[in-house]
């Protein structure tokens, strides 16, 4: 990915979070890192539930009943993309938002030239998710920019190994996120 594409994606992800009210309250780096972990855990849970890494489906909450409707394979309007590709996209989007919040966009985009990843092609999906969690933890422990780049590169490598078009998943998830109402989650954190 070229530097300008990275900058544009960070700006879109962070701008959307600001527009949707996510930053109306201050959030600590620890909270943000924990939420990145939660996206990785959701991807692992989908895998544990028997979904293939490339499986994608769409869900929408029925406004009258509150029940989740699931429609496999085909997106409609504001239906939420689900599956491992979507969860991996959420990791990337949360990292982009974090980088935008900490005003490290230029440094982040520049660091991709010599970036590394923790994913091992000859290792199981579960083990690679474990390594990804280590890399996510390193964002708060060590270098925010360097380890944020490592996390994004690791997610891209994991996607590549598993036949996932992560660019498409990130684009789709960011488009979906833009359709959501302000303060849509309503959660404490």
N, C-alpha and C. Protein backbone atom coordinates (compact mmCIF):
# COMPACT_ATOMS: atom_id res chain seq x y z
N UNK A 1 0.85 -1.16 0.00
CA UNK A 1 0.00 0.00 0.00
C UNK A 1 0.90 1.23 0.00
N UNK A 2 0.58 2.19 -0.85
CA UNK A 2 1.42 3.39 -0.90
C UNK A 2 1.09 4.34 0.25
N UNK A 3 2.03 5.25 0.51
CA UNK A 3 1.93 6.15 1.67
C UNK A 3 0.65 6.97 1.64
N UNK A 4 0.27 7.51 0.48
CA UNK A 4 -0.92 8.35 0.43
C UNK A 4 -2.19 7.55 0.70
N UNK A 5 -2.25 6.31 0.23
CA UNK A 5 -3.41 5.46 0.51
C UNK A 5 -3.54 5.21 2.01
N UNK A 6 -2.42 4.96 2.67
CA UNK A 6 -2.43 4.74 4.12
C UNK A 6 -2.93 6.00 4.83
N UNK A 7 -2.38 7.15 4.45
CA UNK A 7 -2.80 8.42 5.06
C UNK A 7 -4.29 8.64 4.85
N UNK A 8 -4.77 8.40 3.63
CA UNK A 8 -6.19 8.59 3.33
C UNK A 8 -7.06 7.67 4.18
N UNK A 9 -6.67 6.41 4.29
CA UNK A 9 -7.47 5.45 5.07
C UNK A 9 -7.49 5.81 6.55
N UNK A 10 -6.35 6.23 7.09
CA UNK A 10 -6.31 6.65 8.49
C UNK A 10 -7.23 7.84 8.69
N UNK A 11 -7.15 8.81 7.80
CA UNK A 11 -7.99 10.01 7.93
C UNK A 11 -9.47 9.69 7.82
N UNK A 12 -9.84 8.77 6.93
CA UNK A 12 -11.25 8.39 6.78
C UNK A 12 -11.72 7.65 8.04
N UNK A 13 -10.93 6.68 8.51
CA UNK A 13 -11.34 5.90 9.69
C UNK A 13 -11.46 6.79 10.91
N UNK A 14 -10.47 7.63 11.14
CA UNK A 14 -10.51 8.51 12.32
C UNK A 14 -11.61 9.56 12.15
N UNK A 15 -11.75 10.11 10.97
CA UNK A 15 -12.80 11.10 10.73
C UNK A 15 -14.18 10.53 10.97
N UNK A 16 -14.40 9.29 10.55
CA UNK A 16 -15.70 8.65 10.78
C UNK A 16 -15.94 8.45 12.27
N UNK A 17 -14.91 8.03 13.00
CA UNK A 17 -15.07 7.83 14.45
C UNK A 17 -15.43 9.16 15.12
N UNK A 18 -14.78 10.23 14.69
CA UNK A 18 -15.09 11.55 15.25
C UNK A 18 -16.53 11.93 14.90
N UNK A 19 -16.90 11.77 13.62
CA UNK A 19 -18.26 12.12 13.17
C UNK A 19 -19.34 11.32 13.89
N UNK A 20 -19.06 10.08 14.24
CA UNK A 20 -20.05 9.22 14.89
C UNK A 20 -20.06 9.37 16.40
N UNK A 21 -19.26 10.30 16.93
CA UNK A 21 -19.30 10.60 18.34
C UNK A 21 -18.40 9.76 19.22
N UNK A 22 -17.58 8.91 18.62
CA UNK A 22 -16.71 8.03 19.40
C UNK A 22 -15.77 8.82 20.30
N UNK A 23 -15.32 9.96 19.83
CA UNK A 23 -14.34 10.75 20.58
C UNK A 23 -14.98 11.88 21.38
N UNK A 24 -16.29 11.81 21.62
CA UNK A 24 -16.92 12.81 22.48
C UNK A 24 -16.42 12.69 23.91
N UNK A 25 -15.92 11.51 24.27
CA UNK A 25 -15.31 11.31 25.58
C UNK A 25 -13.86 10.89 25.34
N UNK A 26 -13.01 11.26 26.25
CA UNK A 26 -11.61 10.85 26.15
C UNK A 26 -11.52 9.35 26.43
N UNK A 27 -10.63 8.70 25.74
CA UNK A 27 -10.41 7.27 25.92
C UNK A 27 -8.92 7.05 26.10
N UNK A 28 -8.57 6.15 27.01
CA UNK A 28 -7.15 5.90 27.26
C UNK A 28 -6.58 4.96 26.21
N UNK A 29 -5.27 4.99 26.10
CA UNK A 29 -4.59 4.08 25.18
C UNK A 29 -4.88 2.63 25.55
N UNK A 30 -4.94 2.35 26.85
CA UNK A 30 -5.25 0.99 27.28
C UNK A 30 -6.61 0.52 26.81
N UNK A 31 -7.62 1.39 26.89
CA UNK A 31 -8.96 1.04 26.40
C UNK A 31 -8.92 0.75 24.90
N UNK A 32 -8.21 1.59 24.17
CA UNK A 32 -8.15 1.44 22.72
C UNK A 32 -7.46 0.14 22.33
N UNK A 33 -6.38 -0.18 23.01
CA UNK A 33 -5.66 -1.43 22.73
C UNK A 33 -6.54 -2.63 23.09
N UNK A 34 -7.26 -2.55 24.20
CA UNK A 34 -8.16 -3.64 24.60
C UNK A 34 -9.25 -3.86 23.54
N UNK A 35 -9.75 -2.78 22.96
CA UNK A 35 -10.78 -2.91 21.93
C UNK A 35 -10.21 -3.52 20.64
N UNK A 36 -8.95 -3.24 20.34
CA UNK A 36 -8.31 -3.91 19.20
C UNK A 36 -8.21 -5.41 19.49
N UNK A 37 -7.83 -5.75 20.72
CA UNK A 37 -7.81 -7.16 21.13
C UNK A 37 -9.18 -7.80 20.94
N UNK A 38 -10.25 -7.08 21.27
CA UNK A 38 -11.58 -7.66 21.17
C UNK A 38 -11.92 -8.02 19.73
N UNK A 39 -11.48 -7.22 18.78
CA UNK A 39 -11.73 -7.53 17.36
C UNK A 39 -10.97 -8.80 16.96
N UNK A 40 -9.73 -8.93 17.44
CA UNK A 40 -8.96 -10.14 17.14
C UNK A 40 -9.63 -11.36 17.76
N UNK A 41 -10.15 -11.20 18.97
CA UNK A 41 -10.84 -12.31 19.63
C UNK A 41 -12.12 -12.69 18.89
N UNK A 42 -12.82 -11.72 18.33
CA UNK A 42 -14.03 -12.01 17.56
C UNK A 42 -13.67 -12.81 16.30
N UNK A 43 -12.56 -12.48 15.66
CA UNK A 43 -12.12 -13.26 14.49
C UNK A 43 -11.81 -14.69 14.89
N UNK A 44 -11.13 -14.86 16.01
CA UNK A 44 -10.81 -16.20 16.49
C UNK A 44 -12.09 -16.96 16.84
N UNK A 45 -13.06 -16.30 17.45
CA UNK A 45 -14.33 -16.96 17.80
C UNK A 45 -15.06 -17.43 16.54
N UNK A 46 -15.06 -16.60 15.49
CA UNK A 46 -15.68 -17.04 14.23
C UNK A 46 -14.99 -18.31 13.72
N UNK A 47 -13.66 -18.35 13.80
CA UNK A 47 -12.91 -19.52 13.37
C UNK A 47 -13.26 -20.73 14.23
N UNK A 48 -13.32 -20.52 15.54
CA UNK A 48 -13.66 -21.60 16.47
C UNK A 48 -15.08 -22.11 16.25
N UNK A 49 -15.96 -21.24 15.77
CA UNK A 49 -17.35 -21.62 15.50
C UNK A 49 -17.50 -22.33 14.15
N UNK A 50 -16.39 -22.58 13.48
CA UNK A 50 -16.42 -23.38 12.26
C UNK A 50 -16.46 -22.60 10.96
N UNK A 51 -16.40 -21.29 11.04
CA UNK A 51 -16.39 -20.50 9.81
C UNK A 51 -15.01 -20.56 9.17
N UNK A 52 -15.01 -20.61 7.86
CA UNK A 52 -13.76 -20.54 7.11
C UNK A 52 -13.28 -19.09 7.11
N UNK A 53 -11.99 -18.87 6.97
CA UNK A 53 -11.48 -17.50 6.97
C UNK A 53 -12.09 -16.59 5.90
N UNK A 54 -12.56 -17.16 4.81
CA UNK A 54 -13.13 -16.34 3.74
C UNK A 54 -14.65 -16.21 3.80
N UNK A 55 -15.30 -16.88 4.76
CA UNK A 55 -16.76 -16.79 4.87
C UNK A 55 -17.20 -15.38 5.25
N UNK A 56 -18.18 -14.87 4.53
CA UNK A 56 -18.75 -13.55 4.81
C UNK A 56 -20.27 -13.69 4.78
N UNK A 57 -20.93 -13.03 5.71
CA UNK A 57 -22.38 -12.96 5.71
C UNK A 57 -22.77 -11.58 6.22
N UNK A 58 -24.05 -11.28 6.12
CA UNK A 58 -24.53 -9.94 6.47
C UNK A 58 -25.69 -10.06 7.45
N UNK A 59 -25.71 -9.16 8.42
CA UNK A 59 -26.75 -9.16 9.44
C UNK A 59 -27.36 -7.78 9.58
N UNK A 60 -28.62 -7.79 10.04
CA UNK A 60 -29.30 -6.54 10.35
C UNK A 60 -30.26 -6.81 11.48
N UNK A 61 -30.31 -5.88 12.43
CA UNK A 61 -31.26 -6.01 13.55
C UNK A 61 -32.63 -5.54 13.08
N UNK A 62 -33.64 -6.37 13.30
CA UNK A 62 -35.01 -6.01 12.97
C UNK A 62 -35.47 -4.94 13.96
N UNK A 63 -35.84 -3.78 13.46
CA UNK A 63 -36.21 -2.66 14.32
C UNK A 63 -37.42 -2.96 15.19
N UNK A 64 -38.35 -3.77 14.71
CA UNK A 64 -39.57 -4.03 15.47
C UNK A 64 -39.39 -5.10 16.54
N UNK A 65 -38.53 -6.11 16.29
CA UNK A 65 -38.39 -7.22 17.24
C UNK A 65 -37.06 -7.21 17.97
N UNK A 66 -36.07 -6.50 17.44
CA UNK A 66 -34.73 -6.52 18.03
C UNK A 66 -33.95 -7.77 17.68
N UNK A 67 -34.56 -8.67 16.92
CA UNK A 67 -33.90 -9.90 16.50
C UNK A 67 -32.90 -9.59 15.38
N UNK A 68 -31.83 -10.38 15.35
CA UNK A 68 -30.84 -10.26 14.29
C UNK A 68 -31.29 -11.12 13.10
N UNK A 69 -31.36 -10.51 11.95
CA UNK A 69 -31.64 -11.25 10.72
C UNK A 69 -30.30 -11.51 10.05
N UNK A 70 -30.11 -12.69 9.54
CA UNK A 70 -28.87 -13.02 8.86
C UNK A 70 -29.17 -13.36 7.41
N UNK A 71 -28.39 -12.77 6.54
CA UNK A 71 -28.51 -13.05 5.12
C UNK A 71 -27.13 -13.40 4.62
N UNK A 72 -26.94 -14.59 4.17
CA UNK A 72 -25.62 -15.02 3.72
C UNK A 72 -25.29 -14.46 2.35
N UNK A 73 -24.06 -14.11 2.17
CA UNK A 73 -23.41 -13.85 0.89
C UNK A 73 -23.71 -12.52 0.19
N UNK A 74 -24.80 -11.85 0.47
CA UNK A 74 -25.13 -10.67 -0.33
C UNK A 74 -25.43 -9.47 0.56
N UNK A 75 -24.68 -8.37 0.37
CA UNK A 75 -24.95 -7.19 1.19
C UNK A 75 -26.16 -6.40 0.67
N UNK A 76 -26.88 -5.80 1.58
CA UNK A 76 -27.97 -4.90 1.25
C UNK A 76 -27.82 -3.64 2.08
N UNK A 77 -27.93 -2.50 1.44
CA UNK A 77 -27.93 -1.19 2.10
C UNK A 77 -27.08 -1.16 3.37
N UNK A 78 -27.74 -1.13 4.52
CA UNK A 78 -27.03 -0.96 5.78
C UNK A 78 -26.90 -2.26 6.57
N UNK A 79 -26.84 -3.39 5.87
CA UNK A 79 -26.63 -4.66 6.53
C UNK A 79 -25.16 -4.74 6.94
N UNK A 80 -24.92 -5.25 8.14
CA UNK A 80 -23.57 -5.32 8.69
C UNK A 80 -22.79 -6.51 8.12
N UNK A 81 -21.60 -6.25 7.56
CA UNK A 81 -20.76 -7.37 7.12
C UNK A 81 -20.20 -8.11 8.33
N UNK A 82 -20.21 -9.43 8.27
CA UNK A 82 -19.74 -10.27 9.38
C UNK A 82 -18.80 -11.34 8.85
N UNK A 83 -18.04 -11.93 9.76
CA UNK A 83 -17.11 -12.98 9.41
C UNK A 83 -15.68 -12.55 9.69
N UNK A 84 -14.77 -13.48 9.52
CA UNK A 84 -13.36 -13.21 9.80
C UNK A 84 -12.83 -12.04 8.99
N UNK A 85 -13.14 -11.93 7.68
CA UNK A 85 -12.64 -10.77 6.94
C UNK A 85 -13.08 -9.44 7.57
N UNK A 86 -14.32 -9.38 8.02
CA UNK A 86 -14.85 -8.17 8.64
C UNK A 86 -14.18 -7.89 9.97
N UNK A 87 -13.92 -8.91 10.76
CA UNK A 87 -13.25 -8.73 12.05
C UNK A 87 -11.81 -8.28 11.85
N UNK A 88 -11.13 -8.85 10.86
CA UNK A 88 -9.76 -8.41 10.57
C UNK A 88 -9.78 -6.96 10.10
N UNK A 89 -10.78 -6.60 9.31
CA UNK A 89 -10.92 -5.21 8.88
C UNK A 89 -11.13 -4.30 10.08
N UNK A 90 -11.91 -4.75 11.06
CA UNK A 90 -12.13 -3.95 12.27
C UNK A 90 -10.84 -3.70 13.03
N UNK A 91 -9.95 -4.69 13.06
CA UNK A 91 -8.64 -4.48 13.71
C UNK A 91 -7.91 -3.34 13.03
N UNK A 92 -7.84 -3.41 11.70
CA UNK A 92 -7.13 -2.39 10.93
C UNK A 92 -7.77 -1.02 11.14
N UNK A 93 -9.10 -0.96 11.10
CA UNK A 93 -9.81 0.32 11.26
C UNK A 93 -9.57 0.90 12.65
N UNK A 94 -9.60 0.06 13.67
CA UNK A 94 -9.33 0.56 15.03
C UNK A 94 -7.90 1.08 15.16
N UNK A 95 -6.95 0.40 14.52
CA UNK A 95 -5.56 0.89 14.54
C UNK A 95 -5.48 2.23 13.80
N UNK A 96 -6.13 2.31 12.64
CA UNK A 96 -6.13 3.57 11.91
C UNK A 96 -6.71 4.70 12.77
N UNK A 97 -7.80 4.43 13.46
CA UNK A 97 -8.42 5.45 14.31
C UNK A 97 -7.46 5.86 15.43
N UNK A 98 -6.82 4.89 16.05
CA UNK A 98 -5.87 5.17 17.12
C UNK A 98 -4.73 6.06 16.61
N UNK A 99 -4.19 5.73 15.46
CA UNK A 99 -3.10 6.51 14.87
C UNK A 99 -3.57 7.93 14.55
N UNK A 100 -4.80 8.04 14.06
CA UNK A 100 -5.35 9.36 13.79
C UNK A 100 -5.53 10.17 15.06
N UNK A 101 -6.03 9.53 16.10
CA UNK A 101 -6.24 10.21 17.39
C UNK A 101 -4.93 10.74 17.96
N UNK A 102 -3.89 9.93 17.86
CA UNK A 102 -2.60 10.32 18.42
C UNK A 102 -1.76 11.14 17.44
N UNK A 103 -2.39 11.56 16.36
CA UNK A 103 -1.76 12.45 15.37
C UNK A 103 -0.41 11.92 14.90
N UNK A 104 -0.37 10.62 14.62
CA UNK A 104 0.86 9.96 14.18
C UNK A 104 0.72 9.45 12.75
N UNK A 105 -0.12 10.09 11.96
CA UNK A 105 -0.45 9.60 10.62
C UNK A 105 0.78 9.54 9.73
N UNK A 106 1.53 10.63 9.66
CA UNK A 106 2.73 10.68 8.79
C UNK A 106 3.76 9.63 9.20
N UNK A 107 4.04 9.55 10.50
CA UNK A 107 5.02 8.57 10.98
C UNK A 107 4.55 7.15 10.69
N UNK A 108 3.26 6.89 10.92
CA UNK A 108 2.67 5.58 10.67
C UNK A 108 2.81 5.21 9.19
N UNK A 109 2.42 6.12 8.31
CA UNK A 109 2.47 5.85 6.87
C UNK A 109 3.92 5.67 6.40
N UNK A 110 4.84 6.42 6.96
CA UNK A 110 6.25 6.32 6.57
C UNK A 110 6.88 5.03 7.05
N UNK A 111 6.40 4.48 8.15
CA UNK A 111 7.01 3.29 8.74
C UNK A 111 6.71 2.01 7.95
N UNK A 112 5.79 2.06 7.01
CA UNK A 112 5.44 0.86 6.26
C UNK A 112 6.57 0.37 5.36
N UNK A 113 7.50 1.25 5.00
CA UNK A 113 8.61 0.85 4.13
C UNK A 113 9.46 -0.25 4.73
N UNK A 114 9.66 -0.23 6.03
CA UNK A 114 10.51 -1.24 6.67
C UNK A 114 9.76 -1.98 7.77
N UNK A 115 8.48 -2.19 7.56
CA UNK A 115 7.66 -2.81 8.59
C UNK A 115 7.78 -4.33 8.59
N UNK A 116 7.53 -4.89 9.75
CA UNK A 116 7.57 -6.34 9.90
C UNK A 116 6.17 -6.86 10.26
N UNK A 117 6.08 -8.17 10.39
CA UNK A 117 4.83 -8.79 10.84
C UNK A 117 5.18 -10.00 11.69
N UNK A 118 4.23 -10.47 12.49
CA UNK A 118 4.48 -11.60 13.39
C UNK A 118 3.82 -12.89 12.88
N UNK A 119 3.19 -12.85 11.75
CA UNK A 119 2.45 -14.00 11.24
C UNK A 119 3.42 -15.00 10.61
N UNK A 120 3.14 -16.27 10.87
CA UNK A 120 3.99 -17.35 10.35
C UNK A 120 3.16 -18.20 9.41
N UNK A 121 3.53 -18.25 8.14
CA UNK A 121 2.73 -18.98 7.14
C UNK A 121 2.55 -20.47 7.45
N UNK A 122 3.49 -21.07 8.18
CA UNK A 122 3.42 -22.50 8.47
C UNK A 122 2.78 -22.79 9.84
N UNK A 123 2.07 -21.80 10.39
CA UNK A 123 1.47 -21.91 11.72
C UNK A 123 -0.06 -21.88 11.60
N UNK A 124 -0.72 -22.47 12.55
CA UNK A 124 -2.18 -22.53 12.53
C UNK A 124 -2.80 -21.14 12.67
N UNK A 125 -4.06 -21.03 12.26
CA UNK A 125 -4.79 -19.77 12.41
C UNK A 125 -4.80 -19.35 13.89
N UNK A 126 -5.08 -20.29 14.78
CA UNK A 126 -5.13 -19.99 16.21
C UNK A 126 -3.80 -19.50 16.75
N UNK A 127 -2.70 -20.14 16.38
CA UNK A 127 -1.39 -19.69 16.83
C UNK A 127 -1.07 -18.31 16.29
N UNK A 128 -1.40 -18.07 15.02
CA UNK A 128 -1.16 -16.74 14.45
C UNK A 128 -1.99 -15.68 15.16
N UNK A 129 -3.20 -16.02 15.57
CA UNK A 129 -4.01 -15.06 16.33
C UNK A 129 -3.35 -14.78 17.67
N UNK A 130 -2.73 -15.77 18.27
CA UNK A 130 -2.00 -15.56 19.52
C UNK A 130 -0.84 -14.59 19.32
N UNK A 131 -0.10 -14.78 18.23
CA UNK A 131 1.00 -13.86 17.91
C UNK A 131 0.48 -12.45 17.63
N UNK A 132 -0.67 -12.38 16.98
CA UNK A 132 -1.26 -11.07 16.71
C UNK A 132 -1.62 -10.37 18.03
N UNK A 133 -2.15 -11.11 18.99
CA UNK A 133 -2.46 -10.51 20.30
C UNK A 133 -1.19 -9.96 20.97
N UNK A 134 -0.09 -10.68 20.84
CA UNK A 134 1.18 -10.18 21.40
C UNK A 134 1.54 -8.85 20.76
N UNK A 135 1.43 -8.80 19.44
CA UNK A 135 1.77 -7.57 18.72
C UNK A 135 0.85 -6.42 19.12
N UNK A 136 -0.44 -6.71 19.30
CA UNK A 136 -1.39 -5.68 19.73
C UNK A 136 -0.98 -5.16 21.11
N UNK A 137 -0.63 -6.06 22.02
CA UNK A 137 -0.21 -5.63 23.36
C UNK A 137 1.01 -4.72 23.31
N UNK A 138 1.88 -4.96 22.37
CA UNK A 138 3.10 -4.17 22.26
C UNK A 138 2.82 -2.71 21.90
N UNK A 139 1.64 -2.40 21.37
CA UNK A 139 1.29 -1.00 21.09
C UNK A 139 1.34 -0.18 22.37
N UNK A 140 0.80 -0.71 23.44
CA UNK A 140 0.78 0.03 24.71
C UNK A 140 2.09 -0.13 25.48
N UNK A 141 2.77 -1.25 25.28
CA UNK A 141 3.99 -1.51 26.05
C UNK A 141 5.22 -0.79 25.51
N UNK A 142 5.28 -0.62 24.20
CA UNK A 142 6.51 -0.13 23.59
C UNK A 142 6.24 1.08 22.70
N UNK A 143 6.30 0.85 21.41
CA UNK A 143 6.26 1.94 20.43
C UNK A 143 4.91 1.95 19.73
N UNK A 144 4.10 2.97 20.00
CA UNK A 144 2.75 3.05 19.43
C UNK A 144 2.79 2.95 17.91
N UNK A 145 3.61 3.75 17.26
CA UNK A 145 3.63 3.78 15.80
C UNK A 145 4.20 2.48 15.24
N UNK A 146 5.35 2.07 15.72
CA UNK A 146 6.00 0.87 15.17
C UNK A 146 5.15 -0.38 15.34
N UNK A 147 4.55 -0.54 16.50
CA UNK A 147 3.75 -1.75 16.72
C UNK A 147 2.37 -1.64 16.08
N UNK A 148 1.87 -0.43 15.90
CA UNK A 148 0.62 -0.26 15.14
C UNK A 148 0.84 -0.70 13.69
N UNK A 149 1.97 -0.33 13.14
CA UNK A 149 2.32 -0.78 11.78
C UNK A 149 2.46 -2.29 11.75
N UNK A 150 3.14 -2.85 12.75
CA UNK A 150 3.32 -4.30 12.81
C UNK A 150 1.97 -5.02 12.88
N UNK A 151 1.03 -4.48 13.65
CA UNK A 151 -0.29 -5.10 13.75
C UNK A 151 -0.98 -5.08 12.39
N UNK A 152 -1.00 -3.93 11.73
CA UNK A 152 -1.66 -3.84 10.42
C UNK A 152 -0.98 -4.77 9.42
N UNK A 153 0.34 -4.77 9.39
CA UNK A 153 1.05 -5.67 8.47
C UNK A 153 0.77 -7.13 8.80
N UNK A 154 0.68 -7.45 10.08
CA UNK A 154 0.38 -8.83 10.48
C UNK A 154 -1.01 -9.24 10.02
N UNK A 155 -1.97 -8.34 10.17
CA UNK A 155 -3.34 -8.64 9.73
C UNK A 155 -3.36 -8.84 8.21
N UNK A 156 -2.66 -7.98 7.48
CA UNK A 156 -2.60 -8.16 6.02
C UNK A 156 -1.95 -9.48 5.65
N UNK A 157 -0.88 -9.87 6.35
CA UNK A 157 -0.22 -11.15 6.06
C UNK A 157 -1.14 -12.31 6.39
N UNK A 158 -1.84 -12.25 7.52
CA UNK A 158 -2.79 -13.30 7.89
C UNK A 158 -3.89 -13.42 6.84
N UNK A 159 -4.37 -12.28 6.37
CA UNK A 159 -5.40 -12.29 5.33
C UNK A 159 -4.87 -12.92 4.04
N UNK A 160 -3.67 -12.54 3.66
CA UNK A 160 -3.07 -13.08 2.44
C UNK A 160 -2.93 -14.60 2.52
N UNK A 161 -2.43 -15.10 3.63
CA UNK A 161 -2.24 -16.54 3.83
C UNK A 161 -3.57 -17.28 3.72
N UNK A 162 -4.65 -16.64 4.16
CA UNK A 162 -5.95 -17.29 4.20
C UNK A 162 -6.86 -16.92 3.04
N UNK A 163 -6.33 -16.27 2.02
CA UNK A 163 -7.11 -15.97 0.82
C UNK A 163 -8.16 -14.89 0.99
N UNK A 164 -7.93 -13.97 1.92
CA UNK A 164 -8.88 -12.89 2.19
C UNK A 164 -8.43 -11.62 1.49
N UNK A 165 -9.34 -10.97 0.80
CA UNK A 165 -9.06 -9.67 0.19
C UNK A 165 -9.31 -8.61 1.27
N UNK A 166 -8.28 -8.31 2.04
CA UNK A 166 -8.45 -7.41 3.18
C UNK A 166 -8.74 -5.99 2.75
N UNK A 167 -8.16 -5.54 1.64
CA UNK A 167 -8.48 -4.19 1.16
C UNK A 167 -9.98 -4.05 0.91
N UNK A 168 -10.56 -5.06 0.28
CA UNK A 168 -12.01 -5.02 0.02
C UNK A 168 -12.80 -5.05 1.32
N UNK A 169 -12.36 -5.87 2.28
CA UNK A 169 -13.07 -5.96 3.57
C UNK A 169 -12.98 -4.64 4.33
N UNK A 170 -11.82 -3.99 4.32
CA UNK A 170 -11.66 -2.70 5.00
C UNK A 170 -12.54 -1.65 4.33
N UNK A 171 -12.53 -1.61 3.01
CA UNK A 171 -13.35 -0.65 2.27
C UNK A 171 -14.83 -0.86 2.58
N UNK A 172 -15.27 -2.12 2.56
CA UNK A 172 -16.68 -2.43 2.85
C UNK A 172 -17.05 -2.05 4.28
N UNK A 173 -16.19 -2.38 5.24
CA UNK A 173 -16.51 -2.11 6.64
C UNK A 173 -16.49 -0.60 6.92
N UNK A 174 -15.58 0.14 6.31
CA UNK A 174 -15.57 1.59 6.51
C UNK A 174 -16.82 2.22 5.89
N UNK A 175 -17.26 1.70 4.75
CA UNK A 175 -18.50 2.20 4.14
C UNK A 175 -19.70 1.90 5.04
N UNK A 176 -19.74 0.70 5.60
CA UNK A 176 -20.82 0.36 6.53
C UNK A 176 -20.78 1.27 7.75
N UNK A 177 -19.60 1.45 8.33
CA UNK A 177 -19.47 2.29 9.53
C UNK A 177 -19.98 3.71 9.28
N UNK A 178 -19.79 4.19 8.07
CA UNK A 178 -20.25 5.55 7.73
C UNK A 178 -21.78 5.64 7.73
N UNK A 179 -22.48 4.51 7.58
CA UNK A 179 -23.95 4.52 7.57
C UNK A 179 -24.55 4.46 8.97
N UNK A 180 -23.75 4.18 9.95
CA UNK A 180 -24.27 3.98 11.32
C UNK A 180 -24.61 5.32 11.96
N UNK A 181 -25.60 5.31 12.83
CA UNK A 181 -25.98 6.57 13.49
C UNK A 181 -24.92 7.03 14.49
N UNK A 182 -25.02 8.28 14.87
CA UNK A 182 -24.11 8.83 15.87
C UNK A 182 -24.31 8.11 17.19
N UNK A 183 -23.20 7.80 17.85
CA UNK A 183 -23.20 7.11 19.15
C UNK A 183 -24.01 5.82 19.09
N UNK A 184 -23.85 5.08 18.00
CA UNK A 184 -24.66 3.88 17.74
C UNK A 184 -24.43 2.75 18.73
N UNK A 185 -23.27 2.64 19.32
CA UNK A 185 -23.00 1.52 20.21
C UNK A 185 -23.66 1.65 21.57
N UNK A 186 -23.65 2.85 22.11
CA UNK A 186 -24.28 3.11 23.39
C UNK A 186 -23.62 2.39 24.56
N UNK A 187 -22.39 1.91 24.37
CA UNK A 187 -21.71 1.19 25.43
C UNK A 187 -20.89 2.15 26.27
N UNK A 188 -20.57 1.72 27.47
CA UNK A 188 -19.81 2.58 28.39
C UNK A 188 -18.43 2.90 27.84
N UNK A 189 -17.72 1.93 27.35
CA UNK A 189 -16.38 2.16 26.79
C UNK A 189 -16.48 2.44 25.31
